[in-house]
Amino acid sequence: GETVGGRAEIPLRRCLSRAVRMLATARTIDIYGVENSVTPASDLLTKLTYLGLNCRMHTDTYLQQISAAHLGVADVAVAVPIPGAPLILLALKQARKAGAGTIAITSPKEPLLGKYADVCLSTGGRALSIYGSAIFSRIPDLAVVDLLYMGIIQSDYERFSRSLDKSGAVIAAGDTETNNKSFSLPCKFLTQKGGFFERFFTFLLQKLKFEVLVCSAIKLV
């Protein structure tokens, strides 16, 4: 599979572009997360569902493998593995065996990811002395999720902006019925071309810089 991170590995832009195409055209998207990786996995589920994509997420490793076995060539499986959780890789193996496309978003370097993932979005990093890398891996993983989300919107702006407006209208209608306007956000602002995208990607870059600074500070302690 294609990976990001090492000397002989595929550039990030190419991997992200392929992952975006796979997700935007998938019939069904399976998302697998365990323990700390549930946070970015759940964020991906939420964002893709708002875009009108057919998604489901499993955190039980047995259900992950069973669900993966029922996928087909039009489907995609996305795994967010963590160190010491080999069963999530078995789900990715099952998905590939079933003919589905496979994507992995991961901070640790797992030797089997390249074997089972068509696209491996490795955010780099290594285990630290405080609680391994779990505290720090979520930040770049969430940034990758945001990049996939924005990439999908831009891949077919008309389609996905309509989906976002429809999702927002559903929430707005529910808020109106319950007299709760606190969560009503104008989706046209979120999907507006130009300034918002620039500010959003600047924000993502700041997140990644923050992660690097925090890790560097920990190493100095």
N, C-alpha and C. Protein backbone atom coordinates (compact mmCIF):
# COMPACT_ATOMS: atom_id res chain seq x y z
N GLY A 1 0.81 -1.20 0.00
CA GLY A 1 0.00 0.00 0.00
C GLY A 1 0.86 1.26 0.00
N GLU A 2 0.24 2.40 -0.24
CA GLU A 2 0.94 3.67 -0.22
C GLU A 2 1.02 4.17 1.21
N THR A 3 2.15 4.74 1.57
CA THR A 3 2.34 5.21 2.93
C THR A 3 2.92 6.60 2.95
N VAL A 4 2.90 7.21 4.12
CA VAL A 4 3.46 8.53 4.32
C VAL A 4 4.46 8.46 5.45
N GLY A 5 5.64 9.01 5.30
CA GLY A 5 6.51 9.12 6.46
C GLY A 5 7.97 8.83 6.21
N GLY A 6 8.33 7.84 5.43
CA GLY A 6 9.74 7.46 5.30
C GLY A 6 10.38 7.96 4.02
N ARG A 7 11.66 7.64 3.84
CA ARG A 7 12.43 8.12 2.72
C ARG A 7 11.87 7.65 1.38
N ALA A 8 11.55 6.37 1.31
CA ALA A 8 11.10 5.80 0.04
C ALA A 8 9.58 5.74 -0.05
N GLU A 9 8.92 6.46 0.79
CA GLU A 9 7.47 6.36 0.84
C GLU A 9 6.81 7.44 0.00
N ILE A 10 5.49 7.24 -0.25
CA ILE A 10 4.74 8.12 -1.14
C ILE A 10 4.45 9.45 -0.45
N PRO A 11 4.52 10.59 -1.19
CA PRO A 11 4.25 11.89 -0.58
C PRO A 11 2.84 11.98 -0.01
N LEU A 12 2.72 12.80 1.04
CA LEU A 12 1.44 12.96 1.74
C LEU A 12 0.34 13.40 0.80
N ARG A 13 0.60 14.37 -0.09
CA ARG A 13 -0.43 14.89 -0.97
C ARG A 13 -1.05 13.79 -1.83
N ARG A 14 -0.20 12.91 -2.35
CA ARG A 14 -0.69 11.83 -3.21
C ARG A 14 -1.55 10.85 -2.43
N CYS A 15 -1.11 10.52 -1.22
CA CYS A 15 -1.88 9.59 -0.38
C CYS A 15 -3.22 10.19 0.02
N LEU A 16 -3.22 11.45 0.41
CA LEU A 16 -4.47 12.11 0.78
C LEU A 16 -5.43 12.17 -0.40
N SER A 17 -4.91 12.47 -1.59
CA SER A 17 -5.75 12.56 -2.78
C SER A 17 -6.41 11.21 -3.08
N ARG A 18 -5.63 10.14 -2.96
CA ARG A 18 -6.20 8.82 -3.22
C ARG A 18 -7.24 8.45 -2.18
N ALA A 19 -6.95 8.74 -0.91
CA ALA A 19 -7.90 8.44 0.16
C ALA A 19 -9.20 9.23 -0.02
N VAL A 20 -9.08 10.49 -0.43
CA VAL A 20 -10.26 11.32 -0.68
C VAL A 20 -11.12 10.71 -1.77
N ARG A 21 -10.50 10.30 -2.87
CA ARG A 21 -11.25 9.69 -3.98
C ARG A 21 -11.95 8.42 -3.54
N MET A 22 -11.26 7.60 -2.75
CA MET A 22 -11.85 6.35 -2.29
C MET A 22 -13.07 6.60 -1.41
N LEU A 23 -12.96 7.55 -0.48
CA LEU A 23 -14.06 7.82 0.44
C LEU A 23 -15.24 8.49 -0.26
N ALA A 24 -14.95 9.41 -1.16
CA ALA A 24 -16.01 10.16 -1.83
C ALA A 24 -16.86 9.29 -2.74
N THR A 25 -16.30 8.19 -3.22
CA THR A 25 -17.02 7.33 -4.16
C THR A 25 -17.45 5.99 -3.56
N ALA A 26 -17.21 5.80 -2.27
CA ALA A 26 -17.51 4.51 -1.64
C ALA A 26 -19.02 4.30 -1.46
N ARG A 27 -19.45 3.06 -1.61
CA ARG A 27 -20.85 2.71 -1.33
C ARG A 27 -21.09 2.67 0.17
N THR A 28 -20.20 2.01 0.88
CA THR A 28 -20.26 1.93 2.34
C THR A 28 -18.86 2.13 2.90
N ILE A 29 -18.77 2.87 4.01
CA ILE A 29 -17.47 3.12 4.65
C ILE A 29 -17.50 2.53 6.06
N ASP A 30 -16.66 1.55 6.30
CA ASP A 30 -16.48 0.96 7.62
C ASP A 30 -15.34 1.69 8.33
N ILE A 31 -15.55 2.08 9.59
CA ILE A 31 -14.51 2.77 10.35
C ILE A 31 -14.22 1.97 11.62
N TYR A 32 -12.95 1.68 11.87
CA TYR A 32 -12.56 0.87 13.03
C TYR A 32 -11.63 1.66 13.94
N GLY A 33 -11.98 1.71 15.22
CA GLY A 33 -11.14 2.36 16.21
C GLY A 33 -11.20 1.59 17.52
N VAL A 34 -10.14 1.69 18.31
CA VAL A 34 -10.11 1.05 19.63
C VAL A 34 -9.43 1.99 20.62
N GLU A 35 -9.88 1.95 21.85
CA GLU A 35 -9.28 2.74 22.94
C GLU A 35 -9.09 4.19 22.51
N ASN A 36 -7.86 4.70 22.53
CA ASN A 36 -7.62 6.11 22.25
C ASN A 36 -7.91 6.49 20.80
N SER A 37 -7.88 5.54 19.90
CA SER A 37 -8.14 5.87 18.50
C SER A 37 -9.63 6.03 18.21
N VAL A 38 -10.47 5.76 19.20
CA VAL A 38 -11.91 5.95 19.00
C VAL A 38 -12.23 7.43 18.76
N THR A 39 -11.44 8.33 19.36
CA THR A 39 -11.69 9.77 19.21
C THR A 39 -11.58 10.21 17.76
N PRO A 40 -10.45 9.99 17.06
CA PRO A 40 -10.40 10.37 15.65
C PRO A 40 -11.34 9.55 14.78
N ALA A 41 -11.56 8.27 15.13
CA ALA A 41 -12.48 7.44 14.35
C ALA A 41 -13.90 7.98 14.43
N SER A 42 -14.32 8.38 15.63
CA SER A 42 -15.66 8.95 15.81
C SER A 42 -15.79 10.29 15.09
N ASP A 43 -14.73 11.08 15.11
CA ASP A 43 -14.75 12.37 14.41
C ASP A 43 -14.91 12.16 12.91
N LEU A 44 -14.22 11.15 12.37
CA LEU A 44 -14.35 10.83 10.96
C LEU A 44 -15.77 10.39 10.63
N LEU A 45 -16.34 9.54 11.49
CA LEU A 45 -17.72 9.09 11.29
C LEU A 45 -18.68 10.27 11.23
N THR A 46 -18.54 11.19 12.17
CA THR A 46 -19.42 12.36 12.23
C THR A 46 -19.31 13.21 10.97
N LYS A 47 -18.09 13.51 10.57
CA LYS A 47 -17.89 14.39 9.41
C LYS A 47 -18.39 13.76 8.12
N LEU A 48 -18.11 12.47 7.92
CA LEU A 48 -18.55 11.81 6.70
C LEU A 48 -20.06 11.64 6.66
N THR A 49 -20.67 11.42 7.82
CA THR A 49 -22.13 11.31 7.88
C THR A 49 -22.79 12.63 7.52
N TYR A 50 -22.23 13.74 8.01
CA TYR A 50 -22.74 15.07 7.64
C TYR A 50 -22.64 15.30 6.13
N LEU A 51 -21.66 14.68 5.49
CA LEU A 51 -21.50 14.83 4.05
C LEU A 51 -22.40 13.89 3.26
N GLY A 52 -23.24 13.13 3.96
CA GLY A 52 -24.19 12.25 3.29
C GLY A 52 -23.62 10.92 2.87
N LEU A 53 -22.42 10.57 3.35
CA LEU A 53 -21.81 9.30 3.01
C LEU A 53 -22.29 8.21 3.97
N ASN A 54 -22.45 7.03 3.44
CA ASN A 54 -22.97 5.90 4.23
C ASN A 54 -21.85 5.29 5.07
N CYS A 55 -21.84 5.59 6.36
CA CYS A 55 -20.75 5.16 7.25
C CYS A 55 -21.27 4.37 8.44
N ARG A 56 -20.41 3.56 8.98
CA ARG A 56 -20.68 2.88 10.25
C ARG A 56 -19.35 2.68 10.96
N MET A 57 -19.39 2.66 12.28
CA MET A 57 -18.15 2.52 13.05
C MET A 57 -18.31 1.40 14.07
N HIS A 58 -17.26 0.60 14.21
CA HIS A 58 -17.23 -0.48 15.21
C HIS A 58 -16.00 -0.30 16.10
N THR A 59 -16.20 -0.45 17.40
CA THR A 59 -15.08 -0.40 18.35
C THR A 59 -14.79 -1.78 18.94
N ASP A 60 -15.68 -2.74 18.70
CA ASP A 60 -15.47 -4.12 19.14
C ASP A 60 -14.69 -4.85 18.04
N THR A 61 -13.55 -5.45 18.40
CA THR A 61 -12.68 -6.03 17.38
C THR A 61 -13.31 -7.22 16.67
N TYR A 62 -14.18 -7.97 17.35
CA TYR A 62 -14.87 -9.08 16.68
C TYR A 62 -15.86 -8.55 15.64
N LEU A 63 -16.63 -7.52 16.02
CA LEU A 63 -17.59 -6.93 15.09
C LEU A 63 -16.86 -6.27 13.92
N GLN A 64 -15.68 -5.72 14.18
CA GLN A 64 -14.90 -5.12 13.09
C GLN A 64 -14.59 -6.17 12.03
N GLN A 65 -14.14 -7.34 12.47
CA GLN A 65 -13.78 -8.39 11.52
C GLN A 65 -14.99 -8.94 10.79
N ILE A 66 -16.10 -9.10 11.52
CA ILE A 66 -17.32 -9.61 10.89
C ILE A 66 -17.85 -8.63 9.86
N SER A 67 -17.89 -7.34 10.25
CA SER A 67 -18.37 -6.32 9.33
C SER A 67 -17.48 -6.23 8.10
N ALA A 68 -16.17 -6.32 8.30
CA ALA A 68 -15.22 -6.24 7.19
C ALA A 68 -15.41 -7.38 6.20
N ALA A 69 -15.75 -8.55 6.71
CA ALA A 69 -15.92 -9.72 5.85
C ALA A 69 -17.11 -9.57 4.92
N HIS A 70 -18.06 -8.69 5.28
CA HIS A 70 -19.27 -8.50 4.46
C HIS A 70 -19.16 -7.31 3.51
N LEU A 71 -17.99 -6.68 3.44
CA LEU A 71 -17.79 -5.58 2.50
C LEU A 71 -17.58 -6.12 1.10
N GLY A 72 -17.61 -5.21 0.12
CA GLY A 72 -17.40 -5.60 -1.27
C GLY A 72 -16.47 -4.64 -1.98
N VAL A 73 -16.36 -4.80 -3.29
CA VAL A 73 -15.40 -4.02 -4.06
C VAL A 73 -15.77 -2.53 -4.11
N ALA A 74 -17.03 -2.19 -3.84
CA ALA A 74 -17.44 -0.80 -3.89
C ALA A 74 -17.30 -0.10 -2.53
N ASP A 75 -16.82 -0.83 -1.54
CA ASP A 75 -16.76 -0.32 -0.17
C ASP A 75 -15.32 0.03 0.24
N VAL A 76 -15.21 0.76 1.35
CA VAL A 76 -13.91 1.16 1.89
C VAL A 76 -13.88 0.94 3.39
N ALA A 77 -12.78 0.41 3.90
CA ALA A 77 -12.58 0.25 5.34
C ALA A 77 -11.47 1.20 5.78
N VAL A 78 -11.73 1.92 6.88
CA VAL A 78 -10.74 2.85 7.43
C VAL A 78 -10.41 2.41 8.85
N ALA A 79 -9.15 2.13 9.12
CA ALA A 79 -8.72 1.70 10.44
C ALA A 79 -7.84 2.77 11.08
N VAL A 80 -8.06 2.99 12.38
CA VAL A 80 -7.21 3.90 13.15
C VAL A 80 -6.59 3.07 14.27
N PRO A 81 -5.53 2.31 13.96
CA PRO A 81 -4.96 1.38 14.94
C PRO A 81 -4.08 2.07 15.97
N ILE A 82 -3.82 1.36 17.06
CA ILE A 82 -2.90 1.82 18.10
C ILE A 82 -1.93 0.68 18.40
N PRO A 83 -0.79 0.96 19.05
CA PRO A 83 0.16 -0.11 19.38
C PRO A 83 -0.48 -1.15 20.30
N GLY A 84 -0.16 -2.39 20.05
CA GLY A 84 -0.66 -3.45 20.93
C GLY A 84 -2.08 -3.87 20.67
N ALA A 85 -2.64 -3.48 19.52
CA ALA A 85 -4.02 -3.87 19.18
C ALA A 85 -4.02 -4.52 17.80
N PRO A 86 -3.47 -5.74 17.70
CA PRO A 86 -3.33 -6.38 16.38
C PRO A 86 -4.65 -6.79 15.75
N LEU A 87 -5.71 -6.96 16.56
CA LEU A 87 -6.97 -7.43 16.00
C LEU A 87 -7.58 -6.44 15.03
N ILE A 88 -7.32 -5.15 15.21
CA ILE A 88 -7.85 -4.16 14.28
C ILE A 88 -7.20 -4.32 12.91
N LEU A 89 -5.96 -4.83 12.89
CA LEU A 89 -5.30 -5.10 11.62
C LEU A 89 -5.92 -6.31 10.95
N LEU A 90 -6.44 -7.25 11.73
CA LEU A 90 -7.14 -8.41 11.16
C LEU A 90 -8.41 -7.96 10.45
N ALA A 91 -9.07 -6.92 10.99
CA ALA A 91 -10.26 -6.39 10.33
C ALA A 91 -9.88 -5.79 8.97
N LEU A 92 -8.76 -5.08 8.94
CA LEU A 92 -8.29 -4.51 7.68
C LEU A 92 -7.95 -5.62 6.68
N LYS A 93 -7.36 -6.70 7.19
CA LYS A 93 -7.03 -7.85 6.35
C LYS A 93 -8.30 -8.47 5.78
N GLN A 94 -9.35 -8.60 6.61
CA GLN A 94 -10.62 -9.15 6.16
C GLN A 94 -11.24 -8.27 5.08
N ALA A 95 -11.17 -6.96 5.29
CA ALA A 95 -11.75 -6.02 4.32
C ALA A 95 -11.06 -6.16 2.96
N ARG A 96 -9.74 -6.24 2.99
CA ARG A 96 -9.00 -6.38 1.73
C ARG A 96 -9.34 -7.72 1.07
N LYS A 97 -9.46 -8.77 1.86
CA LYS A 97 -9.81 -10.09 1.33
C LYS A 97 -11.17 -10.05 0.66
N ALA A 98 -12.08 -9.22 1.21
CA ALA A 98 -13.44 -9.11 0.65
C ALA A 98 -13.47 -8.24 -0.60
N GLY A 99 -12.35 -7.60 -0.91
CA GLY A 99 -12.27 -6.78 -2.12
C GLY A 99 -12.45 -5.30 -1.89
N ALA A 100 -12.64 -4.88 -0.63
CA ALA A 100 -12.84 -3.47 -0.32
C ALA A 100 -11.52 -2.70 -0.35
N GLY A 101 -11.61 -1.39 -0.57
CA GLY A 101 -10.43 -0.55 -0.44
C GLY A 101 -10.12 -0.36 1.03
N THR A 102 -8.86 -0.18 1.36
CA THR A 102 -8.46 -0.08 2.77
C THR A 102 -7.57 1.14 3.00
N ILE A 103 -7.87 1.85 4.10
CA ILE A 103 -7.11 3.05 4.49
C ILE A 103 -6.75 2.92 5.96
N ALA A 104 -5.54 3.30 6.32
CA ALA A 104 -5.12 3.31 7.73
C ALA A 104 -4.64 4.71 8.09
N ILE A 105 -5.12 5.22 9.22
CA ILE A 105 -4.65 6.49 9.78
C ILE A 105 -3.96 6.16 11.08
N THR A 106 -2.66 6.35 11.15
CA THR A 106 -1.95 5.86 12.32
C THR A 106 -0.71 6.67 12.65
N SER A 107 -0.41 6.76 13.93
CA SER A 107 0.82 7.40 14.38
C SER A 107 1.95 6.39 14.52
N PRO A 108 1.72 5.24 15.21
CA PRO A 108 2.82 4.27 15.33
C PRO A 108 3.10 3.60 14.00
N LYS A 109 4.33 3.08 13.86
CA LYS A 109 4.70 2.38 12.64
C LYS A 109 4.45 0.89 12.82
N GLU A 110 3.43 0.40 12.13
CA GLU A 110 3.08 -1.01 12.19
C GLU A 110 3.53 -1.67 10.89
N PRO A 111 4.36 -2.71 10.94
CA PRO A 111 4.89 -3.33 9.72
C PRO A 111 3.81 -3.94 8.83
N LEU A 112 2.67 -4.34 9.43
CA LEU A 112 1.63 -5.00 8.64
C LEU A 112 0.70 -4.01 7.94
N LEU A 113 0.77 -2.72 8.31
CA LEU A 113 -0.13 -1.75 7.71
C LEU A 113 0.09 -1.65 6.20
N GLY A 114 1.35 -1.64 5.78
CA GLY A 114 1.64 -1.57 4.36
C GLY A 114 1.13 -2.78 3.61
N LYS A 115 0.99 -3.89 4.31
CA LYS A 115 0.52 -5.12 3.69
C LYS A 115 -1.00 -5.13 3.53
N TYR A 116 -1.70 -4.55 4.50
CA TYR A 116 -3.16 -4.62 4.50
C TYR A 116 -3.84 -3.33 4.08
N ALA A 117 -3.13 -2.21 4.04
CA ALA A 117 -3.74 -0.92 3.71
C ALA A 117 -3.33 -0.47 2.31
N ASP A 118 -4.31 -0.14 1.49
CA ASP A 118 -4.03 0.42 0.18
C ASP A 118 -3.40 1.80 0.32
N VAL A 119 -3.87 2.56 1.32
CA VAL A 119 -3.31 3.87 1.62
C VAL A 119 -3.06 3.95 3.12
N CYS A 120 -1.84 4.26 3.51
CA CYS A 120 -1.49 4.39 4.93
C CYS A 120 -1.09 5.83 5.21
N LEU A 121 -1.94 6.56 5.94
CA LEU A 121 -1.67 7.95 6.30
C LEU A 121 -0.98 7.96 7.66
N SER A 122 0.33 7.80 7.65
CA SER A 122 1.09 7.75 8.88
C SER A 122 1.48 9.16 9.31
N THR A 123 1.08 9.54 10.51
CA THR A 123 1.37 10.88 11.02
C THR A 123 2.70 10.95 11.72
N GLY A 124 3.46 9.84 11.71
CA GLY A 124 4.80 9.85 12.31
C GLY A 124 4.74 9.82 13.82
N GLY A 125 5.84 10.17 14.44
CA GLY A 125 5.90 10.19 15.90
C GLY A 125 6.36 8.86 16.45
N ARG A 126 6.85 8.89 17.70
CA ARG A 126 7.29 7.66 18.35
C ARG A 126 6.86 7.69 19.80
N ALA A 127 6.91 6.54 20.43
CA ALA A 127 6.45 6.43 21.82
C ALA A 127 7.25 7.35 22.74
N LEU A 128 6.55 8.02 23.64
CA LEU A 128 7.20 8.90 24.61
C LEU A 128 7.10 8.29 25.99
N SER A 129 7.82 8.87 26.94
CA SER A 129 7.90 8.28 28.27
C SER A 129 6.62 8.47 29.08
N ILE A 130 5.80 9.44 28.70
CA ILE A 130 4.56 9.67 29.45
C ILE A 130 3.40 9.04 28.70
N TYR A 131 2.88 7.93 29.20
CA TYR A 131 1.69 7.28 28.63
C TYR A 131 1.88 6.96 27.16
N GLY A 132 3.07 6.51 26.79
CA GLY A 132 3.33 6.17 25.39
C GLY A 132 3.10 7.37 24.50
N SER A 133 2.50 7.15 23.34
CA SER A 133 2.23 8.26 22.41
C SER A 133 0.75 8.58 22.35
N ALA A 134 -0.06 7.97 23.24
CA ALA A 134 -1.51 8.09 23.15
C ALA A 134 -1.99 9.53 23.28
N ILE A 135 -1.36 10.30 24.19
CA ILE A 135 -1.78 11.68 24.41
C ILE A 135 -1.54 12.52 23.16
N PHE A 136 -0.43 12.27 22.46
CA PHE A 136 -0.02 13.14 21.38
C PHE A 136 -0.50 12.67 20.02
N SER A 137 -0.80 11.40 19.86
CA SER A 137 -1.17 10.89 18.54
C SER A 137 -2.53 11.40 18.10
N ARG A 138 -3.42 11.71 19.04
CA ARG A 138 -4.76 12.15 18.65
C ARG A 138 -4.73 13.47 17.89
N ILE A 139 -3.80 14.36 18.21
CA ILE A 139 -3.77 15.68 17.57
C ILE A 139 -3.49 15.56 16.08
N PRO A 140 -2.39 14.91 15.65
CA PRO A 140 -2.18 14.77 14.21
C PRO A 140 -3.21 13.89 13.53
N ASP A 141 -3.72 12.86 14.24
CA ASP A 141 -4.76 12.00 13.65
C ASP A 141 -6.02 12.81 13.35
N LEU A 142 -6.41 13.68 14.29
CA LEU A 142 -7.58 14.53 14.07
C LEU A 142 -7.33 15.52 12.94
N ALA A 143 -6.09 15.99 12.81
CA ALA A 143 -5.76 16.91 11.72
C ALA A 143 -5.89 16.21 10.37
N VAL A 144 -5.48 14.94 10.30
CA VAL A 144 -5.63 14.16 9.07
C VAL A 144 -7.11 13.98 8.73
N VAL A 145 -7.92 13.71 9.75
CA VAL A 145 -9.37 13.59 9.55
C VAL A 145 -9.93 14.88 8.96
N ASP A 146 -9.49 16.02 9.50
CA ASP A 146 -9.96 17.31 8.99
C ASP A 146 -9.53 17.51 7.53
N LEU A 147 -8.32 17.11 7.20
CA LEU A 147 -7.84 17.24 5.83
C LEU A 147 -8.65 16.36 4.87
N LEU A 148 -8.98 15.15 5.29
CA LEU A 148 -9.81 14.27 4.47
C LEU A 148 -11.19 14.89 4.26
N TYR A 149 -11.75 15.44 5.33
CA TYR A 149 -13.08 16.06 5.28
C TYR A 149 -13.10 17.21 4.28
N MET A 150 -12.15 18.12 4.39
CA MET A 150 -12.11 19.27 3.50
C MET A 150 -11.78 18.84 2.07
N GLY A 151 -10.94 17.81 1.93
CA GLY A 151 -10.60 17.31 0.61
C GLY A 151 -11.81 16.73 -0.10
N ILE A 152 -12.65 16.01 0.64
CA ILE A 152 -13.86 15.43 0.05
C ILE A 152 -14.81 16.54 -0.40
N ILE A 153 -14.99 17.57 0.43
CA ILE A 153 -15.86 18.69 0.04
C ILE A 153 -15.36 19.32 -1.25
N GLN A 154 -14.07 19.56 -1.35
CA GLN A 154 -13.53 20.22 -2.52
C GLN A 154 -13.51 19.32 -3.75
N SER A 155 -13.56 17.99 -3.55
CA SER A 155 -13.55 17.06 -4.69
C SER A 155 -14.83 17.15 -5.51
N ASP A 156 -15.94 17.49 -4.87
CA ASP A 156 -17.23 17.68 -5.56
C ASP A 156 -18.02 18.69 -4.75
N TYR A 157 -17.66 19.96 -4.92
CA TYR A 157 -18.20 21.01 -4.06
C TYR A 157 -19.73 21.07 -4.10
N GLU A 158 -20.31 21.00 -5.28
CA GLU A 158 -21.77 21.13 -5.40
C GLU A 158 -22.48 20.01 -4.66
N ARG A 159 -22.01 18.79 -4.85
CA ARG A 159 -22.66 17.64 -4.20
C ARG A 159 -22.57 17.72 -2.68
N PHE A 160 -21.37 17.96 -2.18
CA PHE A 160 -21.18 17.88 -0.73
C PHE A 160 -21.66 19.13 0.00
N SER A 161 -21.68 20.28 -0.68
CA SER A 161 -22.25 21.47 -0.03
C SER A 161 -23.76 21.29 0.12
N ARG A 162 -24.39 20.66 -0.87
CA ARG A 162 -25.83 20.35 -0.73
C ARG A 162 -26.08 19.39 0.42
N SER A 163 -25.21 18.39 0.54
CA SER A 163 -25.36 17.42 1.63
C SER A 163 -25.22 18.09 2.99
N LEU A 164 -24.24 19.00 3.11
CA LEU A 164 -24.04 19.73 4.37
C LEU A 164 -25.24 20.61 4.69
N ASP A 165 -25.79 21.28 3.66
CA ASP A 165 -26.97 22.12 3.87
C ASP A 165 -28.15 21.27 4.33
N LYS A 166 -28.30 20.09 3.73
CA LYS A 166 -29.39 19.18 4.12
C LYS A 166 -29.22 18.71 5.56
N SER A 167 -28.00 18.34 5.93
CA SER A 167 -27.73 17.90 7.30
C SER A 167 -27.99 19.03 8.28
N GLY A 168 -27.54 20.24 7.92
CA GLY A 168 -27.76 21.39 8.79
C GLY A 168 -29.23 21.72 8.94
N ALA A 169 -30.00 21.55 7.84
CA ALA A 169 -31.44 21.83 7.90
C ALA A 169 -32.15 20.87 8.84
N VAL A 170 -31.71 19.62 8.85
CA VAL A 170 -32.31 18.63 9.76
C VAL A 170 -32.10 19.05 11.21
N ILE A 171 -30.86 19.46 11.54
CA ILE A 171 -30.56 19.89 12.90
C ILE A 171 -31.32 21.15 13.25
N ALA A 172 -31.38 22.09 12.29
CA ALA A 172 -32.08 23.35 12.54
C ALA A 172 -33.56 23.12 12.78
N ALA A 173 -34.15 22.19 12.04
CA ALA A 173 -35.58 21.88 12.21
C ALA A 173 -35.82 21.28 13.59
N GLY A 174 -34.92 20.41 14.03
CA GLY A 174 -35.06 19.82 15.36
C GLY A 174 -34.91 20.86 16.45
N ASP A 175 -33.97 21.80 16.25
CA ASP A 175 -33.79 22.87 17.23
C ASP A 175 -35.02 23.77 17.31
N THR A 176 -35.66 24.01 16.15
CA THR A 176 -36.86 24.85 16.13
C THR A 176 -37.99 24.21 16.91
N GLU A 177 -38.15 22.89 16.72
CA GLU A 177 -39.22 22.17 17.42
C GLU A 177 -39.00 22.14 18.92
N THR A 178 -37.74 22.13 19.34
CA THR A 178 -37.45 22.06 20.78
C THR A 178 -37.05 23.41 21.36
N ASN A 179 -37.19 24.48 20.54
CA ASN A 179 -36.82 25.84 20.97
C ASN A 179 -35.36 25.93 21.41
N ASN A 180 -34.51 25.13 20.78
CA ASN A 180 -33.08 25.14 21.10
C ASN A 180 -32.31 25.58 19.88
N LYS A 181 -31.75 26.78 19.93
CA LYS A 181 -31.02 27.32 18.78
C LYS A 181 -29.51 27.33 19.00
N SER A 182 -29.08 26.72 20.07
CA SER A 182 -27.65 26.81 20.41
C SER A 182 -26.76 26.06 19.43
N PHE A 183 -27.31 25.03 18.73
CA PHE A 183 -26.48 24.24 17.84
C PHE A 183 -26.78 24.51 16.38
N SER A 184 -27.57 25.53 16.09
CA SER A 184 -27.90 25.84 14.70
C SER A 184 -26.77 26.66 14.08
N LEU A 185 -26.08 26.06 13.10
CA LEU A 185 -24.99 26.75 12.41
C LEU A 185 -25.32 26.84 10.93
N PRO A 186 -25.08 27.98 10.31
CA PRO A 186 -25.34 28.10 8.87
C PRO A 186 -24.34 27.29 8.07
N CYS A 187 -24.79 26.21 7.42
CA CYS A 187 -23.88 25.34 6.69
C CYS A 187 -23.30 26.03 5.47
N LYS A 188 -23.99 27.03 4.93
CA LYS A 188 -23.45 27.74 3.77
C LYS A 188 -22.18 28.48 4.16
N PHE A 189 -22.08 28.92 5.41
CA PHE A 189 -20.83 29.54 5.87
C PHE A 189 -19.72 28.50 5.91
N LEU A 190 -20.06 27.29 6.39
CA LEU A 190 -19.05 26.24 6.51
C LEU A 190 -18.54 25.81 5.15
N THR A 191 -19.39 25.89 4.11
CA THR A 191 -19.00 25.41 2.79
C THR A 191 -18.66 26.53 1.83
N GLN A 192 -18.62 27.75 2.29
CA GLN A 192 -18.34 28.88 1.42
C GLN A 192 -16.91 28.82 0.91
N LYS A 193 -16.75 29.03 -0.39
CA LYS A 193 -15.42 29.01 -0.98
C LYS A 193 -14.64 30.25 -0.58
N GLY A 194 -13.33 30.12 -0.57
CA GLY A 194 -12.51 31.30 -0.34
C GLY A 194 -11.96 31.38 1.06
N GLY A 195 -12.30 32.46 1.75
CA GLY A 195 -11.69 32.79 3.03
C GLY A 195 -11.78 31.72 4.08
N PHE A 196 -12.91 31.04 4.20
CA PHE A 196 -13.05 30.05 5.27
C PHE A 196 -12.06 28.91 5.10
N PHE A 197 -11.91 28.42 3.87
CA PHE A 197 -10.97 27.33 3.64
C PHE A 197 -9.55 27.73 4.04
N GLU A 198 -9.18 28.96 3.67
CA GLU A 198 -7.84 29.43 4.00
C GLU A 198 -7.64 29.49 5.51
N ARG A 199 -8.64 30.03 6.23
CA ARG A 199 -8.54 30.11 7.69
C ARG A 199 -8.53 28.72 8.31
N PHE A 200 -9.30 27.80 7.72
CA PHE A 200 -9.38 26.45 8.27
C PHE A 200 -8.05 25.72 8.15
N PHE A 201 -7.43 25.79 6.98
CA PHE A 201 -6.16 25.10 6.79
C PHE A 201 -5.05 25.75 7.61
N THR A 202 -5.14 27.06 7.83
CA THR A 202 -4.20 27.73 8.73
C THR A 202 -4.35 27.19 10.14
N PHE A 203 -5.60 26.96 10.55
CA PHE A 203 -5.87 26.39 11.86
C PHE A 203 -5.29 24.98 11.99
N LEU A 204 -5.42 24.17 10.92
CA LEU A 204 -4.87 22.81 10.94
C LEU A 204 -3.36 22.85 11.09
N LEU A 205 -2.73 23.78 10.36
CA LEU A 205 -1.28 23.90 10.45
C LEU A 205 -0.84 24.28 11.85
N GLN A 206 -1.61 25.15 12.50
CA GLN A 206 -1.30 25.54 13.87
C GLN A 206 -1.43 24.34 14.82
N LYS A 207 -2.43 23.48 14.57
CA LYS A 207 -2.60 22.27 15.39
C LYS A 207 -1.38 21.37 15.29
N LEU A 208 -0.90 21.18 14.07
CA LEU A 208 0.26 20.32 13.86
C LEU A 208 1.51 20.91 14.50
N LYS A 209 1.67 22.24 14.38
CA LYS A 209 2.82 22.90 15.00
C LYS A 209 2.76 22.77 16.51
N PHE A 210 1.55 22.86 17.08
CA PHE A 210 1.39 22.71 18.52
C PHE A 210 1.80 21.32 18.97
N GLU A 211 1.41 20.31 18.19
CA GLU A 211 1.76 18.93 18.53
C GLU A 211 3.28 18.74 18.55
N VAL A 212 3.95 19.33 17.56
CA VAL A 212 5.41 19.23 17.50
C VAL A 212 6.06 19.92 18.67
N LEU A 213 5.55 21.10 19.05
CA LEU A 213 6.12 21.82 20.17
C LEU A 213 5.93 21.07 21.49
N VAL A 214 4.75 20.48 21.67
CA VAL A 214 4.48 19.74 22.90
C VAL A 214 5.41 18.53 23.01
N CYS A 215 5.54 17.79 21.91
CA CYS A 215 6.41 16.60 21.94
C CYS A 215 7.85 17.00 22.19
N SER A 216 8.28 18.10 21.58
CA SER A 216 9.65 18.57 21.78
C SER A 216 9.88 18.95 23.24
N ALA A 217 8.89 19.60 23.85
CA ALA A 217 9.01 20.00 25.25
C ALA A 217 9.11 18.80 26.17
N ILE A 218 8.33 17.76 25.87
CA ILE A 218 8.36 16.54 26.69
C ILE A 218 9.73 15.87 26.60
N LYS A 219 10.31 15.85 25.41
CA LYS A 219 11.61 15.20 25.23
C LYS A 219 12.71 15.91 26.01
N LEU A 220 12.52 17.20 26.24
CA LEU A 220 13.52 17.97 26.95
C LEU A 220 13.45 17.77 28.47
N VAL A 221 12.32 17.25 28.95
CA VAL A 221 12.13 17.08 30.40
C VAL A 221 12.98 15.92 30.91
